[in-house]
Amino acid sequence: MVNSLMLLAVEANQVIALRMMKLMRGGRRARREANLMVSEKILAAFEAASSLMTGASGDEIVQGYRRHVAANAKRLGKQKSRQSRKRSRKRARRRRQ
């Protein structure tokens, strides 16, 4: 269990960094991400509480959180790579001109 908690901490820090970059850019996407972040945390807390009430172990609950964190990392990482591709295309167009 300690190992999975340490992994959760590292993975959550990576998601926090990705979210902070998105929030610092501002705009509509940042507001949407902030709303999504709050609603996801509430849903995850309810999911953990219901799992605990049905007899899930601490390790199972941590694994559930890790699944959510992994999904967020994947989603936020895709957005970052999409924006990187857009910047690369813009640079290539500028070089051609």
Protein backbone atom coordinates (compact mmCIF):
# COMPACT_ATOMS: atom_id res chain seq x y z
CA MET A 1 0.00 0.00 0.00
CA VAL A 2 2.84 2.40 0.79
CA ASN A 3 4.26 1.89 -2.69
CA SER A 4 0.94 2.67 -4.39
CA LEU A 5 0.55 5.78 -2.21
CA MET A 6 3.99 6.99 -3.27
CA LEU A 7 3.13 6.36 -6.92
CA LEU A 8 -0.15 8.24 -6.47
CA ALA A 9 1.73 11.21 -5.02
CA VAL A 10 4.17 11.34 -7.93
CA GLU A 11 1.45 10.90 -10.56
CA ALA A 12 -0.79 13.51 -8.92
CA ASN A 13 2.09 16.01 -8.91
CA GLN A 14 2.52 15.53 -12.65
CA VAL A 15 -1.20 16.18 -13.22
CA ILE A 16 -1.01 19.26 -11.00
CA ALA A 17 1.86 20.61 -13.10
CA LEU A 18 -0.07 20.01 -16.34
CA ARG A 19 -3.17 21.67 -14.90
CA MET A 20 -1.23 24.66 -13.62
CA MET A 21 0.24 25.24 -17.08
CA LYS A 22 -3.25 25.15 -18.54
CA LEU A 23 -4.68 27.45 -15.87
CA MET A 24 -1.84 29.96 -16.32
CA ARG A 25 -2.74 30.35 -20.01
CA GLY A 26 -6.16 31.61 -18.94
CA GLY A 27 -9.21 31.91 -21.12
CA ARG A 28 -12.21 29.71 -21.64
CA ARG A 29 -10.22 26.47 -21.55
CA ALA A 30 -8.71 27.38 -18.19
CA ARG A 31 -12.13 28.12 -16.70
CA ARG A 32 -13.44 24.83 -18.05
CA GLU A 33 -10.46 22.97 -16.57
CA ALA A 34 -10.99 24.63 -13.17
CA ASN A 35 -14.66 23.60 -13.16
CA LEU A 36 -13.78 20.10 -14.30
CA MET A 37 -11.11 19.80 -11.62
CA VAL A 38 -13.54 20.67 -8.82
CA SER A 39 -16.30 18.39 -10.07
CA GLU A 40 -13.85 15.50 -10.55
CA LYS A 41 -12.57 15.87 -7.01
CA ILE A 42 -16.10 15.79 -5.60
CA LEU A 43 -17.01 12.72 -7.65
CA ALA A 44 -13.78 10.96 -6.67
CA ALA A 45 -14.46 11.64 -2.99
CA PHE A 46 -17.98 10.21 -3.30
CA GLU A 47 -16.61 7.19 -5.14
CA ALA A 48 -13.99 6.60 -2.45
CA ALA A 49 -16.57 6.96 0.33
CA SER A 50 -18.96 4.54 -1.30
CA SER A 51 -16.14 2.05 -1.91
CA LEU A 52 -15.12 2.32 1.73
CA MET A 53 -18.71 1.74 2.88
CA THR A 54 -18.98 -1.38 0.73
CA GLY A 55 -15.85 -2.85 2.29
CA ALA A 56 -13.08 -1.91 -0.13
CA SER A 57 -9.55 -1.96 1.21
CA GLY A 58 -7.37 1.13 1.37
CA ASP A 59 -5.27 -0.20 -1.48
CA GLU A 60 -8.36 -0.59 -3.70
CA ILE A 61 -9.36 2.99 -2.98
CA VAL A 62 -5.85 4.24 -3.80
CA GLN A 63 -5.95 2.27 -7.06
CA GLY A 64 -9.24 3.98 -7.92
CA TYR A 65 -7.66 7.38 -7.39
CA ARG A 66 -4.67 6.32 -9.50
CA ARG A 67 -7.02 5.41 -12.37
CA HIS A 68 -8.57 8.88 -12.22
CA VAL A 69 -5.15 10.53 -12.08
CA ALA A 70 -3.92 8.47 -15.04
CA ALA A 71 -6.98 9.46 -17.09
CA ASN A 72 -6.38 13.12 -16.30
CA ALA A 73 -2.70 12.86 -17.18
CA LYS A 74 -3.59 11.28 -20.50
CA ARG A 75 -6.19 13.93 -21.29
CA LEU A 76 -3.99 16.86 -20.27
CA GLY A 77 -0.94 15.40 -22.01
CA LYS A 78 -2.85 15.09 -25.28
CA GLN A 79 -3.80 18.74 -25.11
CA LYS A 80 -0.22 19.74 -24.51
CA SER A 81 1.05 17.71 -27.46
CA ARG A 82 -1.73 19.11 -29.68
CA GLN A 83 -0.64 22.64 -28.86
CA SER A 84 3.00 21.74 -29.48
CA ARG A 85 2.08 20.43 -32.93
CA LYS A 86 0.20 23.64 -33.70
CA ARG A 87 3.24 25.72 -32.70
CA SER A 88 5.49 23.54 -34.84
CA ARG A 89 3.23 24.01 -37.85
CA LYS A 90 3.19 27.78 -37.33
CA ARG A 91 6.99 27.86 -37.17
CA ALA A 92 7.24 25.77 -40.33
CA ARG A 93 4.88 28.13 -42.17
CA ARG A 94 6.90 31.14 -41.06
CA ARG A 95 10.11 29.54 -42.31
CA ARG A 96 8.55 28.85 -45.70
CA GLN A 97 7.45 32.46 -46.11
